[in-house]
Amino acid sequence: MSALFPEDVADYLKNNPGFFEQYADLMAQIFLPHPHGGRAVSLAERQMLTLREKNRTTESKLAELIAFGEENDAISEKVHRLSVALIAAETFQAVIHLLNFHLRDDFSVPHVALRLWHKPDEVEGLPEFAAVSEELQVFAETLARPYCGSTAGFGTASWFGEYSGHIRSQALIALRNGGGTIGMIALGSEEAQRFYADMGTLYLERLGEMVSAALARVTKSVL
């Protein structure tokens, strides 16, 4: 007689779903260890416990998905408010003001800095047109998506003025117009994990596109 393996028993039960109907009393006679220790339980009770565990796991995942959905809805609403404000802005100064206001109050980004490469001859004293190193401009050209992480090695911490020594993480977003890079936005935080390497950047990309479009429209009204 050939040896009977657990897999053989499992296959038999799968292929003969009426087995426990024919031997219904057998279910009450089979006892298994409780999944969380302690007393033994019947096969039927163990099945109920397993189903309850699965239900709890499903409910937890569903609650997590709902929370993510609500969070995305809230972010989308904030992005919408910012986009409407930028569309309504008629001057360069208004775009800068609204960008700072919405990022600080709606998105809780404490520090925002913007640099544009080409300074109009008539403009003096605006930090948005302060000189930027050629290396940083080249880096911005290579950004296929926003950079998120440390400020080390970029020289952008100085953009945040008196807070430069307190910035622990940043997001750098290239600004583009007509296929070329015209500048960059830096978002800074004192929290090391506010902007981290593997975070999603979809909304940051949209922010860059909105600001680029707004600036392309109002740059001539800097003065």
Protein backbone atom coordinates (compact mmCIF):
# COMPACT_ATOMS: atom_id res chain seq x y z
CA MET A 1 0.00 0.00 0.00
CA SER A 2 1.45 3.37 -1.04
CA ALA A 3 2.03 6.06 1.58
CA LEU A 4 -0.66 8.69 1.98
CA PHE A 5 0.64 12.26 2.02
CA PRO A 6 -1.12 15.41 3.32
CA GLU A 7 -1.29 16.69 -0.24
CA ASP A 8 -3.24 13.56 -1.23
CA VAL A 9 -5.80 14.23 1.52
CA ALA A 10 -6.09 17.89 0.49
CA ASP A 11 -6.57 16.98 -3.17
CA TYR A 12 -9.20 14.39 -2.27
CA LEU A 13 -11.23 16.86 -0.20
CA LYS A 14 -11.00 19.50 -2.95
CA ASN A 15 -12.20 17.00 -5.54
CA ASN A 16 -14.96 15.61 -3.32
CA PRO A 17 -16.82 18.61 -1.86
CA GLY A 18 -19.66 16.35 -0.63
CA PHE A 19 -17.39 14.46 1.76
CA PHE A 20 -18.35 16.45 4.85
CA GLU A 21 -22.02 16.31 3.88
CA GLN A 22 -21.80 12.55 3.89
CA TYR A 23 -19.80 12.55 7.14
CA ALA A 24 -21.26 15.63 8.81
CA ASP A 25 -20.70 14.27 12.31
CA LEU A 26 -16.97 14.02 11.57
CA MET A 27 -16.61 17.81 11.67
CA ALA A 28 -17.68 17.84 15.31
CA GLN A 29 -15.14 15.15 16.16
CA ILE A 30 -12.09 16.86 14.64
CA PHE A 31 -10.33 19.33 16.93
CA LEU A 32 -7.57 21.72 15.96
CA PRO A 33 -5.33 24.08 17.95
CA HIS A 34 -6.83 27.51 18.54
CA PRO A 35 -5.02 29.96 16.17
CA HIS A 36 -4.12 32.16 19.14
CA GLY A 37 -3.20 29.38 21.56
CA GLY A 38 -5.14 27.89 24.43
CA ARG A 39 -7.88 25.31 24.05
CA ALA A 40 -8.50 23.16 21.00
CA VAL A 41 -11.49 23.99 18.84
CA SER A 42 -13.62 22.00 16.44
CA LEU A 43 -13.02 22.13 12.71
CA ALA A 44 -16.19 24.15 12.24
CA GLU A 45 -15.21 26.65 14.94
CA ARG A 46 -11.70 26.93 13.51
CA GLN A 47 -13.23 27.71 10.12
CA MET A 48 -15.36 30.44 11.68
CA LEU A 49 -12.31 31.93 13.38
CA THR A 50 -10.41 31.91 10.08
CA LEU A 51 -13.30 33.65 8.32
CA ARG A 52 -13.46 36.29 11.06
CA GLU A 53 -9.72 36.95 10.70
CA LYS A 54 -10.13 37.33 6.94
CA ASN A 55 -13.06 39.69 7.46
CA ARG A 56 -11.06 41.82 9.87
CA THR A 57 -8.18 41.98 7.37
CA THR A 58 -10.57 42.93 4.56
CA GLU A 59 -12.23 45.61 6.71
CA SER A 60 -8.82 47.03 7.64
CA LYS A 61 -7.75 47.20 3.98
CA LEU A 62 -11.07 48.77 3.01
CA ALA A 63 -10.73 51.40 5.75
CA GLU A 64 -7.21 52.14 4.52
CA LEU A 65 -8.41 52.55 0.92
CA ILE A 66 -11.22 54.85 2.06
CA ALA A 67 -8.74 56.94 4.05
CA PHE A 68 -6.43 57.20 1.01
CA GLY A 69 -9.37 58.18 -1.16
CA GLU A 70 -10.48 60.89 1.26
CA GLU A 71 -6.91 62.20 1.50
CA ASN A 72 -6.59 62.34 -2.29
CA ASP A 73 -9.95 64.13 -2.54
CA ALA A 74 -8.76 66.72 -0.03
CA ILE A 75 -5.48 67.26 -1.90
CA SER A 76 -7.32 67.52 -5.23
CA GLU A 77 -9.57 70.20 -3.75
CA LYS A 78 -6.54 72.17 -2.54
CA VAL A 79 -4.85 71.86 -5.95
CA HIS A 80 -8.06 73.07 -7.58
CA ARG A 81 -8.20 76.14 -5.32
CA LEU A 82 -4.59 76.96 -6.11
CA SER A 83 -5.11 76.54 -9.86
CA VAL A 84 -8.15 78.85 -9.82
CA ALA A 85 -6.18 81.45 -7.86
CA LEU A 86 -3.23 81.28 -10.28
CA ILE A 87 -5.53 81.64 -13.27
CA ALA A 88 -7.06 84.76 -11.73
CA ALA A 89 -3.67 86.30 -10.89
CA GLU A 90 -2.85 89.17 -13.25
CA THR A 91 0.67 90.12 -12.14
CA PHE A 92 3.94 88.44 -11.27
CA GLN A 93 3.69 89.68 -7.69
CA ALA A 94 0.17 88.21 -7.39
CA VAL A 95 1.35 84.80 -8.60
CA ILE A 96 4.18 84.75 -6.04
CA HIS A 97 1.89 85.90 -3.24
CA LEU A 98 -0.85 83.36 -4.02
CA LEU A 99 1.67 80.54 -4.44
CA ASN A 100 3.17 81.24 -1.02
CA PHE A 101 -0.22 81.73 0.61
CA HIS A 102 -1.80 78.50 -0.67
CA LEU A 103 1.25 76.32 -0.11
CA ARG A 104 1.62 77.60 3.45
CA ASP A 105 -2.05 77.67 4.50
CA ASP A 106 -3.57 74.86 2.43
CA PHE A 107 -0.65 72.44 2.10
CA SER A 108 1.20 73.31 5.33
CA VAL A 109 4.48 73.81 3.47
CA PRO A 110 6.34 76.24 5.75
CA HIS A 111 9.03 77.41 3.33
CA VAL A 112 8.70 78.17 -0.38
CA ALA A 113 11.36 79.65 -2.64
CA LEU A 114 11.34 80.25 -6.38
CA ARG A 115 14.16 81.06 -8.77
CA LEU A 116 13.91 82.08 -12.42
CA TRP A 117 16.96 81.95 -14.66
CA HIS A 118 16.48 85.01 -16.84
CA LYS A 119 16.24 88.33 -15.04
CA PRO A 120 14.70 91.23 -16.92
CA ASP A 121 17.13 94.15 -17.19
CA GLU A 122 14.75 96.48 -15.38
CA VAL A 123 14.33 94.20 -12.35
CA GLU A 124 16.50 94.61 -9.27
CA GLY A 125 16.18 93.24 -5.75
CA LEU A 126 13.61 90.51 -6.29
CA PRO A 127 14.83 87.21 -4.74
CA GLU A 128 13.07 85.21 -7.47
CA PHE A 129 15.70 86.48 -9.93
CA ALA A 130 18.76 86.00 -7.71
CA ALA A 131 21.70 84.30 -9.42
CA VAL A 132 21.66 80.49 -9.61
CA SER A 133 24.74 78.38 -10.30
CA GLU A 134 25.16 76.78 -13.71
CA GLU A 135 25.39 73.36 -12.02
CA LEU A 136 21.97 73.80 -10.43
CA GLN A 137 20.48 74.96 -13.71
CA VAL A 138 21.85 71.87 -15.44
CA PHE A 139 20.45 69.71 -12.63
CA ALA A 140 17.01 71.26 -13.14
CA GLU A 141 17.23 70.46 -16.85
CA THR A 142 17.72 66.78 -16.01
CA LEU A 143 14.77 66.52 -13.61
CA ALA A 144 12.26 64.17 -15.20
CA ARG A 145 10.26 64.34 -11.96
CA PRO A 146 10.57 66.45 -8.81
CA TYR A 147 13.47 65.69 -6.50
CA CYS A 148 12.56 64.93 -2.88
CA GLY A 149 15.11 64.45 -0.11
CA SER A 150 17.96 66.19 1.66
CA THR A 151 19.22 69.70 0.92
CA ALA A 152 22.85 68.50 1.06
CA GLY A 153 24.91 69.25 -2.04
CA PHE A 154 22.41 71.48 -3.82
CA GLY A 155 23.00 74.94 -2.40
CA THR A 156 19.25 75.52 -2.33
CA ALA A 157 19.05 75.76 1.47
CA SER A 158 20.27 79.36 1.19
CA TRP A 159 17.11 80.16 -0.77
CA PHE A 160 15.15 79.90 2.48
CA GLY A 161 16.98 82.84 4.03
CA GLU A 162 17.08 82.92 7.83
CA TYR A 163 15.58 79.43 7.97
CA SER A 164 18.28 77.84 5.80
CA GLY A 165 20.02 76.16 8.74
CA HIS A 166 16.79 74.50 9.89
CA ILE A 167 15.68 72.88 6.63
CA ARG A 168 15.94 69.06 6.83
CA SER A 169 14.14 68.02 3.65
CA GLN A 170 13.12 69.65 0.41
CA ALA A 171 11.29 69.15 -2.88
CA LEU A 172 12.77 70.68 -6.03
CA ILE A 173 10.41 71.19 -8.97
CA ALA A 174 11.63 72.29 -12.38
CA LEU A 175 9.64 75.03 -14.13
CA ARG A 176 9.38 74.70 -17.89
CA ASN A 177 8.02 76.76 -20.75
CA GLY A 178 8.04 75.75 -24.39
CA GLY A 179 10.15 72.68 -23.65
CA GLY A 180 12.92 74.62 -21.90
CA THR A 181 13.59 74.96 -18.19
CA ILE A 182 13.02 78.50 -16.94
CA GLY A 183 13.49 78.06 -13.20
CA MET A 184 12.78 75.95 -10.16
CA ILE A 185 10.60 75.89 -7.04
CA ALA A 186 12.05 74.69 -3.73
CA LEU A 187 9.74 73.56 -0.93
CA GLY A 188 11.45 73.22 2.44
CA SER A 189 10.58 71.64 5.77
CA GLU A 190 12.20 71.27 9.18
CA GLU A 191 10.93 67.65 9.18
CA ALA A 192 13.43 65.17 7.73
CA GLN A 193 10.67 62.92 6.35
CA ARG A 194 8.34 65.58 4.98
CA PHE A 195 9.94 65.19 1.54
CA TYR A 196 11.58 61.79 1.10
CA ALA A 197 13.11 59.94 -1.85
CA ASP A 198 10.35 57.41 -2.57
CA MET A 199 7.31 59.63 -2.04
CA GLY A 200 4.75 60.14 -4.79
CA THR A 201 5.30 63.27 -6.87
CA LEU A 202 2.15 63.51 -9.00
CA TYR A 203 0.80 66.59 -7.24
CA LEU A 204 4.25 68.19 -7.17
CA GLU A 205 4.46 67.69 -10.95
CA ARG A 206 1.05 69.32 -11.37
CA LEU A 207 2.16 72.19 -9.16
CA GLY A 208 5.17 72.75 -11.42
CA GLU A 209 2.99 72.76 -14.53
CA MET A 210 0.49 75.22 -13.04
CA VAL A 211 3.14 77.63 -11.80
CA SER A 212 5.03 77.43 -15.10
CA ALA A 213 1.89 78.34 -17.04
CA ALA A 214 1.03 81.18 -14.68
CA LEU A 215 4.55 82.65 -14.82
CA ALA A 216 4.69 82.41 -18.61
CA ARG A 217 1.56 84.54 -18.68
CA VAL A 218 2.56 87.24 -16.20
CA THR A 219 6.36 87.52 -16.38
CA LYS A 220 6.08 90.63 -18.53
CA SER A 221 4.20 92.34 -15.70
CA VAL A 222 7.03 91.96 -13.15
CA LEU A 223 7.37 95.72 -12.86
